[in-house]
Amino acid sequence: MLANLFGISTETISQKLFMIFGVVILCSIFIGVATDFYFLAALPVVVLIGFVAVVDFKKLFYLAIFTIPFSIEMTLPGGIGTDFPPELLIIGLMLVYLLYFIKNLRNIDSAFYKHPITILVIMHLIWTFVTTIHSYDYLVSIKFLLAKFWYVFVFYFMAGQLIRSSKDFKNLFWIFFFPIFATVFYVMIRHSATGFSFKEINYCVGPFYRNHVMYGCIVALFLPFIWYVKKWYPKWSLKWWFLIGALFIGLVAVQLSYTRAAYVGIAIAIMAVYIIRFRLMKAAVGLAIVLALGVVIHLVTNSNYMNYAPEYKNTVTHNRFDNLLSATAKGEDISTMERVYRWVAGYQMSQKEPLTGFGPGNFYGFYKGYTVTSFETYVSDNPEQSGIHNYYLMLIVEQGFLGAFIFLLLCFYMLIRGETVFHNTTNTKKKYMVMTAILTVIIIDCLLLINDMIETDKIGSFFFICMAIVANVDVENSDLKKRK
């Protein structure tokens, strides 16, 4: 796609790069062996990726999608964390896309960039930038801002350019399907050796997943894709049975992940299918807002949240899942009550900086000064440096109430407009695409109530891709209506 960026033909640039690639392979191997720096042998891979980016960055985009399930969290020199290897590809893709956008500015269809979803995504980015300027810790916030930019540029704007047709959607599905199920089988084989023990699940999901929650959530959000893509194939055909089997394995994987948030997300997604079909999304969103406001008002009035402080000695880690569920109901599960401990701190922080917050990424650096000891648990020292475990509250703390409002507006508009797009779409496969995208976003929205995963490649990528799919189909429907 960028072959003519500098006025050079595709054939000429391909021949020259092929010759350069051959020379680089020979030189890198020779130098690596001669100097004992064997990592230089990987240099041809870097050159090959650069070649693909110049010739057709769509393949590089799909390569990034393929590597997401295999990503491993690494800490680079200087304390910078990264998801290797997809995040390195994502950074390169952002730069390539910016060059492509500048080169083809006059030829790019502006309808996608004028869509309300796109405008809300841009507003989300702009406010993240504004709150970075007012940050309590500029270094942390700038790192957060940069990561946010390349995730949104690649998984929303580039995805909006590349995933338009049902064929593109099908390619996205199959390219992600095989690596995600490779990791599922890997985890299940390791887990089976422990008798599918709840105690050992976090060990079994490594190194590809941070914990069992991340594993269960990514499998859960991919289930709508499997359910609707199977409808594209004739019933009882080989591929149909293959996807039915994959759906069953996926459900078993979620069950054995022991992830409560994933269970709830799937249940709400199933209900959402009927809400969308009967055009009840506005009522459902309104009810959700009323319930959320009711709970918040109740908790903050006269400091009622203090009535839910846990019993320190009884709030412990549980090694059996049935005991965990029972403890959760009684308010004695340590992971749940540790979340409450941080939520209370987040509430206190929101009173200090209600407009611009403490700055993106700054919850961990400042929350301990705002904690309430009545909610303290055995793990409140937080050695893993994890966050607040509620993305919406995290936005209030780090980007103020306006930042949270913009994000909620984006989510609610996506759901309400998505329902309209679903009913306006006449192409059956496109309807399945829209329904899949809405259900995936709903699952992610549910996960964000007790987690903060949008900034991770495994969850955030699909959140923005699904937004782009709905915006694209909506634009296409508008074009068809104008033509008629």
Protein backbone atom coordinates (compact mmCIF):
# COMPACT_ATOMS: atom_id res chain seq x y z
CA MET A 1 0.00 0.00 0.00
CA LEU A 2 2.95 2.31 0.53
CA ALA A 3 4.85 1.21 -2.54
CA ASN A 4 4.18 4.50 -4.34
CA LEU A 5 4.78 6.67 -1.33
CA PHE A 6 8.05 7.96 -2.78
CA GLY A 7 7.15 7.54 -6.46
CA ILE A 8 8.71 4.07 -6.87
CA SER A 9 6.85 1.20 -8.55
CA THR A 10 5.88 -1.89 -6.59
CA GLU A 11 7.91 -4.21 -8.85
CA THR A 12 11.10 -2.13 -8.56
CA ILE A 13 10.93 -1.74 -4.83
CA SER A 14 10.16 -5.45 -4.37
CA GLN A 15 13.22 -6.50 -6.40
CA LYS A 16 15.55 -4.15 -4.57
CA LEU A 17 14.29 -5.12 -1.15
CA PHE A 18 14.58 -8.82 -2.01
CA MET A 19 18.26 -8.34 -2.91
CA ILE A 20 18.86 -6.33 0.24
CA PHE A 21 17.12 -9.00 2.30
CA GLY A 22 19.43 -11.71 0.94
CA VAL A 23 22.52 -9.65 1.76
CA VAL A 24 21.24 -8.90 5.26
CA ILE A 25 20.64 -12.61 5.97
CA LEU A 26 24.20 -13.55 5.00
CA CYS A 27 25.79 -10.62 6.85
CA SER A 28 23.75 -11.06 10.03
CA ILE A 29 24.54 -14.78 10.25
CA PHE A 30 28.26 -14.20 9.58
CA ILE A 31 28.55 -11.32 12.09
CA GLY A 32 26.49 -13.16 14.70
CA VAL A 33 28.72 -16.25 14.54
CA ALA A 34 31.95 -14.24 14.40
CA THR A 35 31.09 -12.04 17.40
CA ASP A 36 29.03 -14.52 19.45
CA PHE A 37 26.11 -12.05 19.36
CA TYR A 38 23.67 -14.62 18.05
CA PHE A 39 20.69 -12.31 18.46
CA LEU A 40 21.90 -10.58 15.28
CA ALA A 41 20.51 -13.57 13.41
CA ALA A 42 17.06 -12.12 14.15
CA LEU A 43 17.88 -9.02 12.10
CA PRO A 44 16.48 -10.54 8.86
CA VAL A 45 13.11 -10.92 10.58
CA VAL A 46 13.10 -7.20 11.32
CA VAL A 47 14.01 -6.44 7.71
CA LEU A 48 11.29 -8.80 6.46
CA ILE A 49 8.69 -7.05 8.60
CA GLY A 50 9.85 -3.71 7.19
CA PHE A 51 9.51 -5.10 3.66
CA VAL A 52 5.96 -6.28 4.34
CA ALA A 53 5.08 -2.89 5.82
CA VAL A 54 6.19 -1.12 2.64
CA VAL A 55 4.50 -3.52 0.22
CA ASP A 56 1.23 -4.24 2.11
CA PHE A 57 0.77 -3.21 5.75
CA LYS A 58 -2.47 -5.18 5.93
CA LYS A 59 -0.40 -8.35 6.30
CA LEU A 60 1.56 -6.74 9.11
CA PHE A 61 -1.70 -5.80 10.82
CA TYR A 62 -2.85 -9.40 10.67
CA LEU A 63 0.54 -10.53 11.96
CA ALA A 64 0.03 -8.29 15.02
CA ILE A 65 -3.42 -9.86 15.54
CA PHE A 66 -1.89 -13.34 15.23
CA THR A 67 0.73 -12.65 17.90
CA ILE A 68 -1.66 -11.19 20.52
CA PRO A 69 -2.51 -14.53 22.22
CA PHE A 70 1.20 -15.36 22.39
CA SER A 71 2.23 -11.99 23.84
CA ILE A 72 4.37 -12.03 26.97
CA GLU A 73 4.74 -9.13 29.38
CA MET A 74 8.37 -8.00 29.50
CA THR A 75 10.24 -5.18 31.21
CA LEU A 76 12.71 -3.37 28.98
CA PRO A 77 15.76 -1.39 30.17
CA GLY A 78 14.60 1.73 31.94
CA GLY A 79 11.64 0.00 33.56
CA ILE A 80 9.38 0.25 30.51
CA GLY A 81 6.89 -2.59 30.32
CA THR A 82 5.77 -4.01 26.98
CA ASP A 83 3.73 -6.86 25.52
CA PHE A 84 6.24 -8.71 23.36
CA PRO A 85 6.07 -9.07 20.37
CA PRO A 86 2.74 -7.43 19.33
CA GLU A 87 3.37 -4.04 20.93
CA LEU A 88 6.55 -3.56 18.89
CA LEU A 89 4.54 -4.35 15.74
CA ILE A 90 1.80 -1.97 16.87
CA ILE A 91 4.27 0.91 17.24
CA GLY A 92 5.60 0.27 13.74
CA LEU A 93 2.07 -0.01 12.34
CA MET A 94 1.11 3.35 13.84
CA LEU A 95 4.04 5.03 12.07
CA VAL A 96 3.21 3.27 8.81
CA TYR A 97 -0.44 4.25 9.08
CA LEU A 98 0.42 7.90 9.70
CA LEU A 99 2.54 7.92 6.52
CA TYR A 100 -0.25 6.22 4.60
CA PHE A 101 -2.84 8.69 5.93
CA ILE A 102 -0.73 11.74 5.01
CA LYS A 103 0.02 10.37 1.54
CA ASN A 104 -3.60 9.50 0.77
CA LEU A 105 -5.30 12.32 2.66
CA ARG A 106 -7.31 13.49 -0.35
CA ASN A 107 -8.45 10.00 -1.35
CA ILE A 108 -9.50 8.68 2.06
CA ASP A 109 -13.25 8.48 2.65
CA SER A 110 -13.92 11.03 5.37
CA ALA A 111 -17.28 9.53 6.43
CA PHE A 112 -15.62 7.10 8.86
CA TYR A 113 -13.62 9.91 10.47
CA LYS A 114 -16.76 12.04 10.84
CA HIS A 115 -18.78 9.24 12.45
CA PRO A 116 -19.91 10.00 16.04
CA ILE A 117 -18.06 6.93 17.38
CA THR A 118 -14.84 8.22 15.80
CA ILE A 119 -15.44 11.70 17.21
CA LEU A 120 -15.93 10.25 20.70
CA VAL A 121 -12.76 8.16 20.36
CA ILE A 122 -10.86 11.32 19.37
CA MET A 123 -12.36 13.20 22.33
CA HIS A 124 -11.20 10.36 24.59
CA LEU A 125 -7.66 10.73 23.22
CA ILE A 126 -7.70 14.53 23.49
CA TRP A 127 -8.81 14.47 27.13
CA THR A 128 -6.16 11.86 27.93
CA PHE A 129 -3.64 14.34 26.48
CA VAL A 130 -5.08 17.24 28.50
CA THR A 131 -4.92 15.29 31.77
CA THR A 132 -1.35 14.28 30.96
CA ILE A 133 -0.44 17.98 30.94
CA HIS A 134 -1.90 18.31 34.46
CA SER A 135 -0.42 15.03 35.70
CA TYR A 136 1.12 14.53 39.12
CA ASP A 137 3.81 12.36 37.51
CA TYR A 138 4.58 13.37 33.92
CA LEU A 139 6.84 10.43 33.10
CA VAL A 140 4.20 7.80 33.96
CA SER A 141 1.44 9.72 32.16
CA ILE A 142 3.48 10.28 28.99
CA LYS A 143 4.23 6.55 28.79
CA PHE A 144 0.51 5.85 29.24
CA LEU A 145 -0.44 8.45 26.62
CA LEU A 146 1.95 7.08 23.99
CA ALA A 147 0.68 3.52 24.51
CA LYS A 148 -2.90 4.79 24.27
CA PHE A 149 -2.17 6.55 21.00
CA TRP A 150 -0.63 3.59 19.22
CA TYR A 151 -3.34 1.19 20.43
CA VAL A 152 -6.14 3.48 19.21
CA PHE A 153 -4.42 4.39 15.94
CA VAL A 154 -3.87 0.75 15.02
CA PHE A 155 -6.92 -1.01 16.44
CA TYR A 156 -9.47 1.68 15.66
CA PHE A 157 -8.28 3.85 12.78
CA MET A 158 -6.21 1.26 10.91
CA ALA A 159 -8.77 -1.46 11.64
CA GLY A 160 -11.45 0.86 10.27
CA GLN A 161 -9.43 1.09 7.08
CA LEU A 162 -8.78 -2.65 6.79
CA ILE A 163 -11.82 -4.46 8.23
CA ARG A 164 -14.75 -3.39 6.08
CA SER A 165 -16.12 -6.40 4.24
CA SER A 166 -17.39 -9.72 5.57
CA LYS A 167 -14.28 -11.29 4.00
CA ASP A 168 -12.04 -9.01 6.06
CA PHE A 169 -14.00 -9.96 9.18
CA LYS A 170 -13.65 -13.66 8.39
CA ASN A 171 -9.89 -13.23 7.89
CA LEU A 172 -9.66 -11.46 11.24
CA PHE A 173 -11.54 -14.33 12.87
CA TRP A 174 -9.44 -17.19 11.51
CA ILE A 175 -6.14 -15.38 12.01
CA PHE A 176 -6.97 -14.95 15.69
CA PHE A 177 -8.77 -18.29 16.10
CA PHE A 178 -5.82 -20.65 15.73
CA PRO A 179 -3.36 -18.87 18.08
CA ILE A 180 -5.99 -18.30 20.78
CA PHE A 181 -6.98 -21.97 20.75
CA ALA A 182 -3.32 -23.00 20.70
CA THR A 183 -2.96 -21.19 24.03
CA VAL A 184 -6.24 -22.70 25.29
CA PHE A 185 -4.99 -26.23 24.63
CA TYR A 186 -1.62 -25.33 26.17
CA VAL A 187 -3.29 -24.08 29.36
CA MET A 188 -5.75 -26.97 29.57
CA ILE A 189 -3.00 -29.58 29.17
CA ARG A 190 -0.94 -27.97 31.94
CA HIS A 191 -4.02 -27.50 34.07
CA SER A 192 -5.09 -31.14 33.66
CA ALA A 193 -1.82 -32.23 35.26
CA THR A 194 -2.98 -30.48 38.45
CA GLY A 195 -6.45 -32.05 38.33
CA PHE A 196 -7.82 -28.69 37.12
CA SER A 197 -6.99 -27.20 40.50
CA PHE A 198 -8.25 -23.72 41.27
CA LYS A 199 -5.13 -23.12 43.34
CA GLU A 200 -2.79 -23.77 40.39
CA ILE A 201 -4.67 -21.99 37.59
CA ASN A 202 -2.55 -18.81 37.71
CA TYR A 203 0.61 -20.88 37.25
CA CYS A 204 -0.89 -22.85 34.36
CA VAL A 205 -1.85 -19.82 32.26
CA GLY A 206 1.71 -18.42 32.20
CA PRO A 207 3.66 -17.12 30.41
CA PHE A 208 1.04 -16.01 27.87
CA TYR A 209 -1.41 -14.60 30.40
CA ARG A 210 -0.78 -12.47 33.48
CA ASN A 211 -3.35 -14.43 35.48
CA HIS A 212 -6.46 -16.58 35.16
CA VAL A 213 -8.66 -13.49 34.89
CA MET A 214 -6.94 -12.31 31.71
CA TYR A 215 -7.14 -15.83 30.27
CA GLY A 216 -10.82 -16.32 31.06
CA CYS A 217 -11.76 -12.87 29.79
CA ILE A 218 -10.09 -13.11 26.38
CA VAL A 219 -11.68 -16.51 25.73
CA ALA A 220 -15.06 -15.16 26.86
CA LEU A 221 -14.98 -12.14 24.55
CA PHE A 222 -14.08 -14.36 21.58
CA LEU A 223 -17.13 -16.63 22.05
CA PRO A 224 -19.53 -14.26 20.19
CA PHE A 225 -17.17 -14.41 17.21
CA ILE A 226 -17.34 -18.22 17.15
CA TRP A 227 -21.13 -18.27 17.62
CA TYR A 228 -21.86 -15.94 14.70
CA VAL A 229 -19.12 -17.01 12.29
CA LYS A 230 -20.45 -20.57 12.45
CA LYS A 231 -23.71 -19.22 11.00
CA TRP A 232 -21.82 -18.32 7.84
CA TYR A 233 -21.33 -22.01 7.04
CA PRO A 234 -24.02 -24.54 6.06
CA LYS A 235 -25.57 -26.28 9.03
CA TRP A 236 -24.10 -29.77 9.69
CA SER A 237 -21.14 -29.02 7.39
CA LEU A 238 -17.59 -29.90 8.51
CA LYS A 239 -16.69 -26.29 9.33
CA TRP A 240 -19.98 -25.84 11.20
CA TRP A 241 -19.24 -28.88 13.39
CA PHE A 242 -15.66 -27.67 13.83
CA LEU A 243 -16.87 -24.34 15.21
CA ILE A 244 -19.50 -26.03 17.38
CA GLY A 245 -16.67 -28.05 18.91
CA ALA A 246 -14.58 -24.89 19.34
CA LEU A 247 -17.51 -23.18 21.05
CA PHE A 248 -17.85 -26.08 23.49
CA ILE A 249 -14.11 -26.08 24.23
CA GLY A 250 -14.20 -22.31 24.73
CA LEU A 251 -17.04 -22.58 27.24
CA VAL A 252 -15.16 -25.33 29.10
CA ALA A 253 -12.03 -23.16 29.10
CA VAL A 254 -13.94 -20.23 30.60
CA GLN A 255 -15.47 -22.51 33.24
CA LEU A 256 -12.07 -23.92 34.19
CA SER A 257 -10.53 -20.45 34.29
CA TYR A 258 -12.56 -19.82 37.45
CA THR A 259 -13.12 -16.21 36.40
CA ARG A 260 -16.32 -14.80 37.88
CA ALA A 261 -16.25 -11.68 35.69
CA ALA A 262 -16.19 -13.85 32.54
CA TYR A 263 -19.23 -15.83 33.74
CA VAL A 264 -21.20 -12.63 34.33
CA GLY A 265 -20.09 -11.12 31.01
CA ILE A 266 -21.27 -14.15 29.03
CA ALA A 267 -24.63 -14.22 30.86
CA ILE A 268 -25.25 -10.52 30.17
CA ALA A 269 -24.21 -10.95 26.51
CA ILE A 270 -26.82 -13.69 26.08
CA MET A 271 -29.51 -11.40 27.52
CA ALA A 272 -28.23 -8.58 25.29
CA VAL A 273 -29.03 -10.60 22.16
CA TYR A 274 -32.75 -10.35 22.98
CA ILE A 275 -32.43 -6.75 24.14
CA ILE A 276 -30.97 -5.82 20.74
CA ARG A 277 -33.49 -7.85 18.74
CA PHE A 278 -36.44 -6.24 20.56
CA ARG A 279 -34.91 -2.75 20.42
CA LEU A 280 -34.64 -2.36 24.19
CA MET A 281 -31.07 -1.05 24.37
CA LYS A 282 -32.04 2.51 25.33
CA ALA A 283 -34.17 1.20 28.19
CA ALA A 284 -31.40 -1.20 29.28
CA VAL A 285 -28.76 1.56 29.25
CA GLY A 286 -31.09 3.89 31.15
CA LEU A 287 -31.77 1.22 33.76
CA ALA A 288 -28.04 0.52 34.13
CA ILE A 289 -27.35 4.24 34.69
CA VAL A 290 -30.13 4.55 37.29
CA LEU A 291 -28.94 1.45 39.17
CA ALA A 292 -25.30 2.60 39.12
CA LEU A 293 -26.21 6.09 40.36
CA GLY A 294 -28.45 4.59 43.04
CA VAL A 295 -25.64 2.40 44.37
CA VAL A 296 -23.13 5.26 44.34
CA ILE A 297 -25.50 7.69 46.08
CA HIS A 298 -26.31 5.10 48.73
CA LEU A 299 -22.64 4.39 49.44
CA VAL A 300 -21.46 7.99 49.67
CA THR A 301 -24.45 9.31 51.67
CA ASN A 302 -23.39 9.63 55.30
CA SER A 303 -20.33 7.49 54.44
CA ASN A 304 -22.49 4.35 54.23
CA TYR A 305 -19.61 2.56 52.49
CA MET A 306 -17.98 2.23 55.93
CA ASN A 307 -20.69 -0.30 56.84
CA TYR A 308 -19.16 -2.72 54.31
CA ALA A 309 -15.68 -2.80 55.83
CA PRO A 310 -14.43 -6.44 56.00
CA GLU A 311 -13.34 -8.44 59.03
CA TYR A 312 -9.55 -8.46 58.63
CA LYS A 313 -8.97 -11.93 60.11
CA ASN A 314 -11.74 -13.57 58.07
CA THR A 315 -10.79 -12.02 54.72
CA VAL A 316 -8.32 -14.57 53.36
CA THR A 317 -7.27 -16.34 50.16
CA HIS A 318 -9.32 -19.43 49.25
CA ASN A 319 -7.84 -22.45 47.47
CA ARG A 320 -11.17 -24.00 46.46
CA PHE A 321 -13.48 -22.31 43.98
CA ASP A 322 -16.67 -23.25 45.83
CA ASN A 323 -15.23 -21.71 48.99
CA LEU A 324 -14.33 -18.60 46.98
CA LEU A 325 -17.92 -18.17 45.75
CA SER A 326 -19.25 -18.60 49.27
CA ALA A 327 -16.70 -16.12 50.65
CA THR A 328 -17.58 -13.60 47.93
CA ALA A 329 -21.23 -13.65 49.01
CA LYS A 330 -20.19 -13.11 52.64
CA GLY A 331 -17.69 -10.34 51.85
CA GLU A 332 -14.77 -12.50 53.00
CA ASP A 333 -12.99 -13.10 49.69
CA ILE A 334 -9.63 -11.35 49.76
CA SER A 335 -9.55 -10.42 46.05
CA THR A 336 -13.01 -8.86 46.19
CA MET A 337 -12.40 -6.99 49.45
CA GLU A 338 -8.99 -5.79 48.25
CA ARG A 339 -10.83 -4.25 45.30
CA VAL A 340 -13.15 -2.48 47.74
CA TYR A 341 -10.08 -1.25 49.64
CA ARG A 342 -8.79 0.38 46.46
CA TRP A 343 -12.21 1.65 45.37
CA VAL A 344 -12.55 3.50 48.67
CA ALA A 345 -9.12 5.03 48.08
CA GLY A 346 -10.22 5.94 44.56
CA TYR A 347 -13.30 7.70 45.93
CA GLN A 348 -11.12 9.72 48.30
CA MET A 349 -8.77 10.63 45.42
CA SER A 350 -11.67 11.75 43.22
CA GLN A 351 -12.60 14.33 45.86
CA LYS A 352 -9.07 15.78 45.68
CA GLU A 353 -8.86 16.18 41.87
CA PRO A 354 -12.39 15.99 40.38
CA LEU A 355 -11.62 17.85 37.13
CA THR A 356 -8.39 16.48 35.64
CA GLY A 357 -7.51 13.73 38.10
CA PHE A 358 -4.02 12.67 39.10
CA GLY A 359 -2.94 11.99 35.51
CA PRO A 360 -3.11 8.85 33.32
CA GLY A 361 -1.45 5.82 34.91
CA ASN A 362 -0.99 7.48 38.29
CA PHE A 363 -3.41 5.57 40.52
CA TYR A 364 -0.77 3.19 41.90
CA GLY A 365 1.74 5.94 42.62
CA PHE A 366 -0.60 7.92 44.88
CA TYR A 367 -3.48 5.78 46.15
CA LYS A 368 -1.89 4.55 49.40
CA GLY A 369 -2.12 8.02 50.91
CA TYR A 370 -5.90 7.94 50.47
CA THR A 371 -6.71 4.45 51.76
CA VAL A 372 -8.97 3.70 54.71
CA THR A 373 -7.44 1.20 57.12
CA SER A 374 -10.84 -0.33 57.94
CA PHE A 375 -10.81 -1.94 54.47
CA GLU A 376 -7.23 -3.20 54.62
CA THR A 377 -6.53 -6.87 53.76
CA TYR A 378 -3.54 -9.22 53.91
CA VAL A 379 -2.47 -8.23 50.37
CA SER A 380 -2.90 -4.47 50.66
CA ASP A 381 0.86 -3.93 50.35
CA ASN A 382 0.25 -4.66 46.62
CA PRO A 383 3.68 -6.05 45.63
CA GLU A 384 2.54 -6.70 42.04
CA GLN A 385 1.69 -2.97 41.66
CA SER A 386 -1.74 -3.70 40.20
CA GLY A 387 -4.38 -1.04 39.61
CA ILE A 388 -7.77 -0.10 41.00
CA HIS A 389 -9.66 -2.97 39.30
CA ASN A 390 -12.51 -0.80 38.01
CA TYR A 391 -11.79 1.03 34.77
CA TYR A 392 -14.58 3.58 35.17
CA LEU A 393 -13.43 4.57 38.66
CA MET A 394 -9.84 4.56 37.42
CA LEU A 395 -10.78 7.15 34.79
CA ILE A 396 -12.36 9.36 37.46
CA VAL A 397 -9.21 9.11 39.58
CA GLU A 398 -6.72 9.62 36.74
CA GLN A 399 -8.69 11.79 34.26
CA GLY A 400 -11.41 13.37 36.36
CA PHE A 401 -15.17 13.06 36.06
CA LEU A 402 -15.15 14.51 32.54
CA GLY A 403 -12.74 11.79 31.36
CA ALA A 404 -15.02 9.09 32.75
CA PHE A 405 -18.07 10.80 31.23
CA ILE A 406 -16.51 10.86 27.74
CA PHE A 407 -15.62 7.17 27.94
CA LEU A 408 -19.07 6.19 29.24
CA LEU A 409 -20.67 8.27 26.49
CA LEU A 410 -18.56 6.37 23.95
CA CYS A 411 -19.64 3.00 25.39
CA PHE A 412 -23.34 3.87 25.67
CA TYR A 413 -23.49 5.48 22.23
CA MET A 414 -21.77 2.44 20.72
CA LEU A 415 -24.44 0.13 22.21
CA ILE A 416 -27.45 2.30 21.31
CA ARG A 417 -26.22 3.15 17.81
CA GLY A 418 -25.06 -0.43 17.31
CA GLU A 419 -28.60 -1.68 17.88
CA THR A 420 -29.88 0.73 15.20
CA VAL A 421 -27.11 -0.32 12.80
CA PHE A 422 -28.02 -4.00 13.35
CA HIS A 423 -31.64 -3.40 12.38
CA ASN A 424 -30.73 -1.13 9.43
CA THR A 425 -28.35 -3.71 7.93
CA THR A 426 -29.90 -5.90 5.25
CA ASN A 427 -26.85 -8.06 4.47
CA THR A 428 -27.04 -11.12 6.76
CA LYS A 429 -23.29 -11.49 7.21
CA LYS A 430 -22.95 -7.81 8.04
CA LYS A 431 -25.72 -8.16 10.62
CA TYR A 432 -23.73 -10.96 12.24
CA MET A 433 -20.64 -8.73 12.23
CA VAL A 434 -22.51 -5.95 14.01
CA MET A 435 -24.09 -8.27 16.57
CA THR A 436 -20.71 -9.86 17.28
CA ALA A 437 -19.10 -6.46 17.77
CA ILE A 438 -21.86 -5.25 20.14
CA LEU A 439 -21.79 -8.41 22.27
CA THR A 440 -17.99 -8.31 22.49
CA VAL A 441 -18.07 -4.69 23.68
CA ILE A 442 -20.79 -5.58 26.20
CA ILE A 443 -18.63 -8.39 27.63
CA ILE A 444 -15.67 -6.01 27.87
CA ASP A 445 -17.83 -3.31 29.50
CA CYS A 446 -18.87 -5.86 32.13
CA LEU A 447 -15.26 -6.91 32.69
CA LEU A 448 -14.28 -3.29 33.29
CA LEU A 449 -16.51 -3.13 36.36
CA ILE A 450 -14.00 -5.20 38.35
CA ASN A 451 -10.91 -4.97 36.12
CA ASP A 452 -8.95 -2.35 34.17
CA MET A 453 -7.95 -4.10 30.94
CA ILE A 454 -8.53 -1.62 28.11
CA GLU A 455 -4.84 -0.71 28.06
CA THR A 456 -3.79 -4.33 27.41
CA ASP A 457 -3.31 -5.76 23.92
CA LYS A 458 -5.45 -8.83 24.60
CA ILE A 459 -8.59 -6.91 25.61
CA GLY A 460 -8.16 -3.35 24.37
CA SER A 461 -7.47 -4.46 20.80
CA PHE A 462 -10.91 -6.05 20.41
CA PHE A 463 -12.66 -3.17 22.19
CA PHE A 464 -11.51 -0.68 19.53
CA ILE A 465 -11.75 -3.10 16.59
CA CYS A 466 -15.41 -3.77 17.40
CA MET A 467 -16.08 -0.02 17.63
CA ALA A 468 -14.54 0.41 14.17
CA ILE A 469 -16.65 -2.44 12.72
CA VAL A 470 -19.92 -0.83 13.87
CA ALA A 471 -18.85 2.60 12.57
CA ASN A 472 -17.89 1.12 9.18
CA VAL A 473 -21.16 -0.77 8.71
CA ASP A 474 -23.11 2.34 9.75
CA VAL A 475 -21.26 4.41 7.14
CA GLU A 476 -21.92 1.73 4.51
CA ASN A 477 -25.64 1.68 5.36
CA SER A 478 -25.79 5.48 4.98
CA ASP A 479 -24.09 5.27 1.58
CA LEU A 480 -26.55 2.62 0.39
CA LYS A 481 -29.47 4.72 1.58
CA LYS A 482 -28.18 7.77 -0.30
CA ARG A 483 -27.74 5.73 -3.50
CA LYS A 484 -31.30 4.47 -3.31
